[in-house]
Protein backbone atom coordinates (compact mmCIF):
# COMPACT_ATOMS: atom_id res chain seq x y z
CA UNK A 1 -72.22 78.10 59.56
CA UNK A 2 -75.33 79.38 59.78
CA UNK A 3 -78.16 77.16 58.81
CA UNK A 4 -82.08 77.61 59.57
CA UNK A 5 -82.80 78.33 63.08
CA UNK A 6 -84.12 75.84 65.75
CA UNK A 7 -88.02 75.94 66.54
CA UNK A 8 -88.79 79.00 69.61
CA UNK A 9 -88.73 76.78 73.13
CA UNK A 10 -91.71 75.37 75.00
CA UNK A 11 -93.26 78.18 77.52
CA UNK A 12 -92.38 77.50 81.09
CA UNK A 13 -95.47 76.81 83.07
CA UNK A 14 -96.49 77.34 86.40
CA UNK A 15 -93.93 78.93 88.66
CA UNK A 16 -91.36 77.88 85.91
CA UNK A 17 -92.65 81.60 84.05
CA UNK A 18 -90.52 83.17 87.12
CA UNK A 19 -86.67 83.64 85.59
CA UNK A 20 -84.30 82.51 89.09
CA UNK A 21 -83.08 86.44 88.82
CA UNK A 22 -86.69 87.56 90.42
CA UNK A 23 -86.78 84.45 92.89
CA UNK A 24 -83.51 85.90 94.36
CA UNK A 25 -84.56 89.18 94.13
CA UNK A 26 -87.96 88.30 95.87
CA UNK A 27 -86.10 86.33 98.65
CA UNK A 28 -83.74 89.31 98.94
CA UNK A 29 -86.29 91.77 99.34
CA UNK A 30 -88.16 89.92 101.81
CA UNK A 31 -84.77 89.24 103.85
CA UNK A 32 -84.49 92.93 103.91
CA UNK A 33 -87.56 93.38 105.16
CA UNK A 34 -86.68 91.24 107.78
CA UNK A 35 -83.81 92.31 108.74
CA UNK A 36 -84.56 96.40 108.61
CA UNK A 37 -87.43 95.13 110.81
CA UNK A 38 -85.57 93.63 113.54
CA UNK A 39 -82.87 96.72 113.33
CA UNK A 40 -86.06 98.71 114.14
CA UNK A 41 -87.37 96.66 116.78
CA UNK A 42 -84.34 96.27 118.73
CA UNK A 43 -83.32 99.84 118.75
CA UNK A 44 -87.27 100.82 119.94
CA UNK A 45 -86.97 98.47 122.70
CA UNK A 46 -83.67 99.61 123.60
CA UNK A 47 -84.58 102.79 123.79
CA UNK A 48 -87.63 102.21 125.96
CA UNK A 49 -85.84 100.49 128.45
CA UNK A 50 -83.57 103.41 128.66
CA UNK A 51 -86.14 105.38 129.61
CA UNK A 52 -86.93 103.14 132.39
CA UNK A 53 -83.86 104.59 133.94
CA UNK A 54 -82.35 100.91 134.91
CA UNK A 55 -79.79 100.67 137.75
CA UNK A 56 -76.01 100.98 136.82
CA UNK A 57 -75.59 97.30 136.31
CA UNK A 58 -78.73 96.86 134.18
CA UNK A 59 -77.98 99.86 132.34
CA UNK A 60 -74.37 98.38 131.29
CA UNK A 61 -75.51 95.07 130.48
CA UNK A 62 -78.03 96.69 128.08
CA UNK A 63 -75.54 98.78 126.69
CA UNK A 64 -73.32 95.62 125.76
CA UNK A 65 -76.46 93.77 124.51
CA UNK A 66 -77.33 96.62 122.25
CA UNK A 67 -73.42 96.58 121.09
CA UNK A 68 -73.73 93.27 120.33
CA UNK A 69 -76.95 93.51 118.62
CA UNK A 70 -75.33 95.95 116.29
CA UNK A 71 -72.36 93.77 115.84
CA UNK A 72 -74.66 90.35 114.76
CA UNK A 73 -76.86 92.73 112.55
CA UNK A 74 -73.63 94.38 110.25
CA UNK A 75 -72.20 90.91 110.46
CA UNK A 76 -75.51 89.57 109.02
CA UNK A 77 -75.77 92.43 106.81
CA UNK A 78 -72.44 92.05 105.64
CA UNK A 79 -73.12 88.19 104.71
CA UNK A 80 -76.07 89.80 103.04
CA UNK A 81 -74.51 92.07 100.62
CA UNK A 82 -71.63 89.15 100.08
CA UNK A 83 -74.36 86.66 99.14
CA UNK A 84 -75.52 89.09 97.06
CA UNK A 85 -72.09 89.71 95.41
CA UNK A 86 -71.88 85.73 94.88
CA UNK A 87 -75.25 85.23 93.28
CA UNK A 88 -75.01 88.05 91.00
CA UNK A 89 -71.70 87.25 89.88
CA UNK A 90 -70.99 83.59 90.03
CA UNK A 91 -74.32 82.36 89.28
CA UNK A 92 -76.81 84.84 87.77
CA UNK A 93 -73.97 86.38 85.66
CA UNK A 94 -72.71 82.33 84.17
CA UNK A 95 -76.22 81.71 83.53
CA UNK A 96 -77.04 85.02 81.44
CA UNK A 97 -73.90 84.11 79.72
CA UNK A 98 -75.09 80.71 79.03
CA UNK A 99 -78.14 81.43 77.94
CA UNK A 100 -77.07 83.83 75.25
CA UNK A 101 -74.86 81.47 73.67
CA UNK A 102 -77.58 79.01 73.47
CA UNK A 103 -79.77 81.51 71.67
CA UNK A 104 -76.82 82.40 69.18
CA UNK A 105 -77.01 78.44 68.32
CA UNK A 106 -80.50 78.04 68.29
CA UNK A 107 -81.21 80.74 66.26
CA UNK A 108 -78.60 79.66 63.59
CA UNK A 109 -75.01 80.09 63.84
CA UNK A 110 -74.01 76.67 65.09
CA UNK A 111 -70.31 77.28 64.37
CA UNK A 112 -70.35 79.84 67.98
CA UNK A 113 -68.71 78.25 71.20
CA UNK A 114 -70.73 77.42 74.38
CA UNK A 115 -68.10 78.27 77.36
CA UNK A 116 -68.51 79.83 80.97
CA UNK A 117 -65.91 79.67 82.98
CA UNK A 118 -67.53 79.67 86.25
CA UNK A 119 -69.28 78.01 88.77
CA UNK A 120 -67.77 74.40 88.24
CA UNK A 121 -71.22 72.92 87.74
CA UNK A 122 -71.83 75.51 84.74
CA UNK A 123 -68.49 75.08 83.48
CA UNK A 124 -69.01 71.27 83.29
CA UNK A 125 -72.69 71.72 81.73
CA UNK A 126 -71.00 74.13 79.04
CA UNK A 127 -68.37 71.94 78.18
CA UNK A 128 -71.07 68.85 77.81
CA UNK A 129 -73.42 71.10 75.43
CA UNK A 130 -70.61 72.35 73.23
CA UNK A 131 -69.59 68.52 73.06
CA UNK A 132 -72.81 67.45 71.83
CA UNK A 133 -72.99 71.00 69.65
CA UNK A 134 -69.67 69.74 67.68
CA UNK A 135 -70.66 66.67 67.36
CA UNK A 136 -74.40 67.21 65.78
CA UNK A 137 -72.68 69.91 63.66
CA UNK A 138 -69.76 67.55 62.25
CA UNK A 139 -73.12 64.75 61.34
CA UNK A 140 -74.61 67.52 59.63
CA UNK A 141 -71.73 68.16 57.37
CA UNK A 142 -71.38 64.92 56.72
CA UNK A 143 -75.25 64.60 55.81
CA UNK A 144 -74.87 67.40 53.73
CA UNK A 145 -72.06 66.10 51.88
CA UNK A 146 -74.46 62.68 51.21
CA UNK A 147 -77.07 64.64 50.14
CA UNK A 148 -75.06 66.84 47.64
CA UNK A 149 -73.39 63.48 46.25
CA UNK A 150 -77.45 61.62 46.23
CA UNK A 151 -78.23 64.66 44.10
CA UNK A 152 -75.40 64.47 41.90
CA UNK A 153 -75.97 60.63 41.61
CA UNK A 154 -79.65 61.30 41.11
CA UNK A 155 -79.17 63.80 38.31
CA UNK A 156 -77.03 60.93 36.95
CA UNK A 157 -79.48 58.23 37.27
CA UNK A 158 -82.27 60.36 35.36
CA UNK A 159 -79.72 60.79 32.33
CA UNK A 160 -79.40 57.17 32.39
CA UNK A 161 -83.12 56.78 32.55
CA UNK A 162 -83.26 59.06 29.36
CA UNK A 163 -80.29 56.79 27.67
CA UNK A 164 -82.40 53.94 28.31
CA UNK A 165 -85.79 55.16 27.42
CA UNK A 166 -84.27 56.00 24.17
CA UNK A 167 -80.93 55.38 23.20
CA UNK A 168 -80.78 51.83 24.11
CA UNK A 169 -84.18 50.52 23.40
CA UNK A 170 -83.96 51.41 19.85
CA UNK A 171 -81.52 49.16 19.28
CA UNK A 172 -83.22 46.56 20.30
CA UNK A 173 -86.52 47.49 18.24
CA UNK A 174 -84.30 47.00 15.51
CA UNK A 175 -82.63 43.79 16.25
CA UNK A 176 -86.14 42.53 16.76
CA UNK A 177 -87.53 43.96 13.73
CA UNK A 178 -84.89 43.54 11.23
CA UNK A 179 -84.50 39.61 12.58
CA UNK A 180 -88.10 38.66 11.55
CA UNK A 181 -87.97 40.74 8.62
CA UNK A 182 -84.72 38.14 8.02
CA UNK A 183 -87.54 35.23 9.07
CA UNK A 184 -89.91 36.23 6.93
CA UNK A 185 -87.62 37.18 3.65
CA UNK A 186 -85.58 33.98 3.85
CA UNK A 187 -88.28 31.96 5.65
CA UNK A 188 -88.25 28.90 3.04
CA UNK A 189 -84.70 28.76 2.98
CA UNK A 190 -84.44 28.32 6.76
CA UNK A 191 -84.42 24.76 8.85
CA UNK A 192 -85.89 24.41 11.95
CA UNK A 193 -82.99 25.39 13.70
CA UNK A 194 -82.41 28.53 12.57
CA UNK A 195 -86.02 29.39 12.94
CA UNK A 196 -85.52 28.41 16.62
CA UNK A 197 -82.94 30.89 17.08
CA UNK A 198 -84.27 33.60 15.33
CA UNK A 199 -87.23 33.07 17.75
CA UNK A 200 -84.50 33.46 20.83
CA UNK A 201 -83.49 36.59 19.34
CA UNK A 202 -86.94 38.06 19.27
CA UNK A 203 -87.43 36.79 22.81
CA UNK A 204 -84.57 38.22 24.36
CA UNK A 205 -85.46 41.37 22.77
CA UNK A 206 -88.42 42.03 23.49
CA UNK A 207 -87.45 40.65 27.27
CA UNK A 208 -84.83 43.24 27.20
CA UNK A 209 -87.32 46.36 26.41
CA UNK A 210 -89.44 45.07 29.31
CA UNK A 211 -87.39 44.79 31.33
CA UNK A 212 -85.43 48.33 30.55
CA UNK A 213 -89.56 49.81 30.85
CA UNK A 214 -89.58 47.98 34.56
CA UNK A 215 -86.50 49.36 35.64
CA UNK A 216 -87.41 53.01 34.50
CA UNK A 217 -90.90 52.56 36.46
CA UNK A 218 -89.15 51.34 39.15
CA UNK A 219 -86.61 54.58 39.05
CA UNK A 220 -89.38 56.87 38.79
CA UNK A 221 -90.87 56.45 41.82
CA UNK A 222 -90.89 59.53 44.04
CA UNK A 223 -88.95 61.47 40.99
CA UNK A 224 -91.23 61.75 38.33
CA UNK A 225 -95.58 62.64 39.26
CA UNK A 226 -94.61 61.72 42.58
CA UNK A 227 -97.05 64.73 44.36
CA UNK A 228 -99.23 63.24 46.90
CA UNK A 229 -102.58 64.29 47.56
CA UNK A 230 -106.18 63.20 49.10
CA UNK A 231 -107.00 60.03 46.57
CA UNK A 232 -110.09 57.94 46.71
CA UNK A 233 -108.47 54.28 46.52
CA UNK A 234 -111.21 53.14 45.09
CA UNK A 235 -110.99 55.09 41.24
CA UNK A 236 -107.28 54.14 41.70
CA UNK A 237 -108.55 50.49 41.91
CA UNK A 238 -111.26 51.24 39.08
CA UNK A 239 -108.28 52.24 37.00
CA UNK A 240 -106.13 49.28 37.58
CA UNK A 241 -109.07 47.01 36.54
CA UNK A 242 -109.59 49.00 33.47
CA UNK A 243 -105.98 48.24 32.64
CA UNK A 244 -106.23 44.59 33.37
CA UNK A 245 -109.55 44.08 31.35
CA UNK A 246 -108.53 41.65 28.80
CA UNK A 247 -106.44 39.83 30.85
CA UNK A 248 -109.63 39.70 33.92
CA UNK A 249 -111.70 38.42 30.68
CA UNK A 250 -109.41 35.82 29.32
CA UNK A 251 -108.37 34.17 32.86
CA UNK A 252 -112.35 34.28 33.95
CA UNK A 253 -111.28 36.36 37.25
CA UNK A 254 -113.30 37.61 39.71
CA UNK A 255 -112.03 40.63 41.62
CA UNK A 256 -114.42 41.90 44.41
CA UNK A 257 -113.50 44.60 46.99
CA UNK A 258 -114.33 46.25 50.40
CA UNK A 259 -115.64 50.11 50.54
CA UNK A 260 -111.93 51.64 49.81
CA UNK A 261 -111.36 54.51 51.82
CA UNK A 262 -109.54 58.36 50.70
CA UNK A 263 -105.96 58.27 51.47
CA UNK A 264 -102.90 60.83 50.70
CA UNK A 265 -101.04 59.62 48.07
CA UNK A 266 -100.33 59.41 44.19
CA UNK A 267 -102.98 58.14 41.87
CA UNK A 268 -101.28 57.24 39.14
CA UNK A 269 -98.76 55.12 41.42
CA UNK A 270 -101.34 53.81 43.74
CA UNK A 271 -103.11 52.51 40.58
CA UNK A 272 -100.02 50.71 39.49
CA UNK A 273 -100.03 49.27 42.76
CA UNK A 274 -103.05 47.82 42.46
CA UNK A 275 -102.84 46.91 38.79
CA UNK A 276 -99.49 45.30 39.84
CA UNK A 277 -101.17 42.70 43.18
CA UNK A 278 -104.00 41.98 40.91
CA UNK A 279 -101.77 40.72 37.86
CA UNK A 280 -99.82 39.16 39.85
CA UNK A 281 -102.73 37.22 42.03
CA UNK A 282 -104.29 36.05 38.30
CA UNK A 283 -100.71 35.15 37.01
CA UNK A 284 -100.13 32.73 40.07
CA UNK A 285 -103.56 30.92 39.82
CA UNK A 286 -104.08 27.40 40.60
CA UNK A 287 -106.41 25.64 38.35
CA UNK A 288 -109.70 27.18 39.95
CA UNK A 289 -110.64 30.00 38.26
CA UNK A 290 -108.87 33.22 40.07
CA UNK A 291 -110.91 35.11 42.78
CA UNK A 292 -109.14 38.30 44.09
CA UNK A 293 -110.28 40.03 47.41
CA UNK A 294 -109.19 43.96 47.95
CA UNK A 295 -110.00 44.87 51.58
CA UNK A 296 -109.28 47.67 53.84
CA UNK A 297 -109.27 48.31 57.59
CA UNK A 298 -108.48 51.67 59.49
CA UNK A 299 -105.34 50.94 61.69
CA UNK A 300 -105.07 54.50 63.60
CA UNK A 301 -103.63 57.17 61.32
CA UNK A 302 -103.28 54.41 58.62
CA UNK A 303 -105.31 52.22 56.29
CA UNK A 304 -104.38 48.66 56.11
CA UNK A 305 -104.97 47.30 52.56
CA UNK A 306 -105.36 43.95 52.07
CA UNK A 307 -104.93 41.48 48.32
CA UNK A 308 -105.98 37.97 49.15
CA UNK A 309 -106.36 35.22 46.41
CA UNK A 310 -106.77 31.94 45.86
CA UNK A 311 -103.78 31.11 43.71
CA UNK A 312 -101.03 28.78 44.47
CA UNK A 313 -99.71 30.93 47.48
CA UNK A 314 -96.29 31.54 48.91
CA UNK A 315 -93.90 29.86 51.33
CA UNK A 316 -93.38 31.81 54.28
CA UNK A 317 -89.75 31.48 54.20
CA UNK A 318 -89.68 33.56 50.98
CA UNK A 319 -91.80 36.13 52.37
CA UNK A 320 -88.49 38.91 51.95
CA UNK A 321 -87.08 37.33 48.81
CA UNK A 322 -90.32 37.84 46.48
CA UNK A 323 -89.80 41.49 47.23
CA UNK A 324 -86.26 42.00 46.29
CA UNK A 325 -85.63 43.52 42.63
CA UNK A 326 -84.98 40.48 39.91
CA UNK A 327 -85.41 37.93 42.09
CA UNK A 328 -87.94 35.21 40.48
CA UNK A 329 -88.96 31.80 42.17
CA UNK A 330 -90.08 29.95 39.20
CA UNK A 331 -88.31 29.59 35.38
CA UNK A 332 -89.26 32.17 32.89
CA UNK A 333 -90.85 30.09 30.88
CA UNK A 334 -93.46 28.61 33.54
CA UNK A 335 -94.12 32.16 34.34
CA UNK A 336 -93.39 35.45 32.80
CA UNK A 337 -91.77 38.26 33.85
CA UNK A 338 -88.77 40.27 35.37
CA UNK A 339 -89.09 39.78 38.51
CA UNK A 340 -89.51 43.87 39.40
CA UNK A 341 -93.27 43.75 40.42
CA UNK A 342 -93.37 43.14 43.77
CA UNK A 343 -89.92 45.58 44.40
CA UNK A 344 -91.72 48.27 42.96
CA UNK A 345 -94.62 47.47 44.80
CA UNK A 346 -92.81 47.95 48.17
CA UNK A 347 -91.23 51.08 46.96
CA UNK A 348 -94.02 52.44 46.55
CA UNK A 349 -95.92 52.01 49.31
CA UNK A 350 -92.61 53.15 51.44
CA UNK A 351 -92.75 56.26 49.44
CA UNK A 352 -96.09 57.14 50.63
CA UNK A 353 -95.30 56.46 54.53
CA UNK A 354 -96.44 52.93 54.53
CA UNK A 355 -95.19 49.46 54.61
CA UNK A 356 -96.23 46.06 52.34
CA UNK A 357 -95.80 42.39 53.61
CA UNK A 358 -97.10 39.32 52.98
CA UNK A 359 -99.17 37.80 55.45
CA UNK A 360 -97.97 34.57 57.06
CA UNK A 361 -100.99 32.99 58.01
CA UNK A 362 -102.09 31.83 53.78
CA UNK A 363 -99.94 29.99 51.65
CA UNK A 364 -97.59 28.31 53.86
CA UNK A 365 -98.43 24.90 53.55
CA UNK A 366 -99.05 23.75 50.01
CA UNK A 367 -95.88 23.84 47.98
CA UNK A 368 -96.20 27.59 47.44
CA UNK A 369 -94.73 29.93 44.42
CA UNK A 370 -91.63 27.45 44.48
CA UNK A 371 -92.25 24.42 42.27
CA UNK A 372 -95.37 24.76 40.59
CA UNK A 373 -97.80 22.70 42.80
CA UNK A 374 -101.62 23.91 42.40
CA UNK A 375 -104.24 23.90 44.80
CA UNK A 376 -102.72 26.19 47.60
CA UNK A 377 -104.40 28.14 49.66
CA UNK A 378 -103.55 31.50 48.19
CA UNK A 379 -101.61 34.47 49.79
CA UNK A 380 -102.73 37.42 51.36
CA UNK A 381 -100.59 40.98 50.93
CA UNK A 382 -101.08 43.80 53.34
CA UNK A 383 -100.45 46.93 53.03
CA UNK A 384 -100.63 50.73 54.93
CA UNK A 385 -101.39 53.96 53.35
CA UNK A 386 -101.83 57.29 55.23
CA UNK A 387 -105.28 58.26 56.13
CA UNK A 388 -106.34 61.71 55.49
CA UNK A 389 -108.04 62.46 58.56
CA UNK A 390 -111.75 61.61 57.93
CA UNK A 391 -113.78 58.23 59.11
CA UNK A 392 -114.03 56.96 55.26
């Protein structure tokens, strides 16, 4: 199996730039020079001593000393040659073999075995490295199979999205329209209960259409128009406010903002994010006119945004549940909706590499969005988005 090669290794620094073989060569050269110098010095000193015509006994002792030194130098020379052989064939050559094998694997051939026979330490090291290589290859193959299955599943999801957006909605439109035509044509002949049944049928068809559209929006995040670029978050907020202008006018809501930064994101999805959060804040309003504030502060390489309102708030125990798809905390007749809005917001934020959460310091002690009580301290949603590198 051959896959993309690994990135090049980091360059060594300091004395690490010199290979081990050169360290041994340098050490051997110094030792050889010292050995040769020692032999020359001893031979020179012996020759000069003999030139002094020493007595017979002294000359004999010098002769024996010379023989002993010659034997010692011969033994040292043999040890040096043996050590060089051992270092060459028992250390340097196995290291070169292991290095070459590792380079082959790093170049992309992840099925190449790693193995050296000697010395014992390098054999154990190569065994551990080869075991890690085998586990990584196995995990990579499993991930490849899962990715292929995921691509197939995404293809089926796209087909479902097409069917849902066309084939499923057409029967719903027919059910709603023909039911309304039935009421218009035979209205005088129907009693109140029949009209109520017709109302239920039309309302159910419309809610199903709304649910399908919301599911399509949820499935499209990251797949359709998902490219990210430098985006003015203030412009995305302006677009969201334009889309909500009728709702804002009808409820008398006030939306304020801080100076909003540039972020790396998708303009359409950021507009949808602002729109859902502001619409959510207006929907769950208290008896007072809705007030919504959009803030932004820099936090490292991310921007932290906030959406604060003066609505009925959310109890902290529901902080995770409200972000689950189809999870509702209110009856549909009290607060309409499909229960996908906040789940869609979290998916958009996570697709951009950020996080979305409910600030636990607000809306936690006034009944929250669970029992219809009003007069709460409101709720604050916070989320992060990647910055563009500037200081705006």
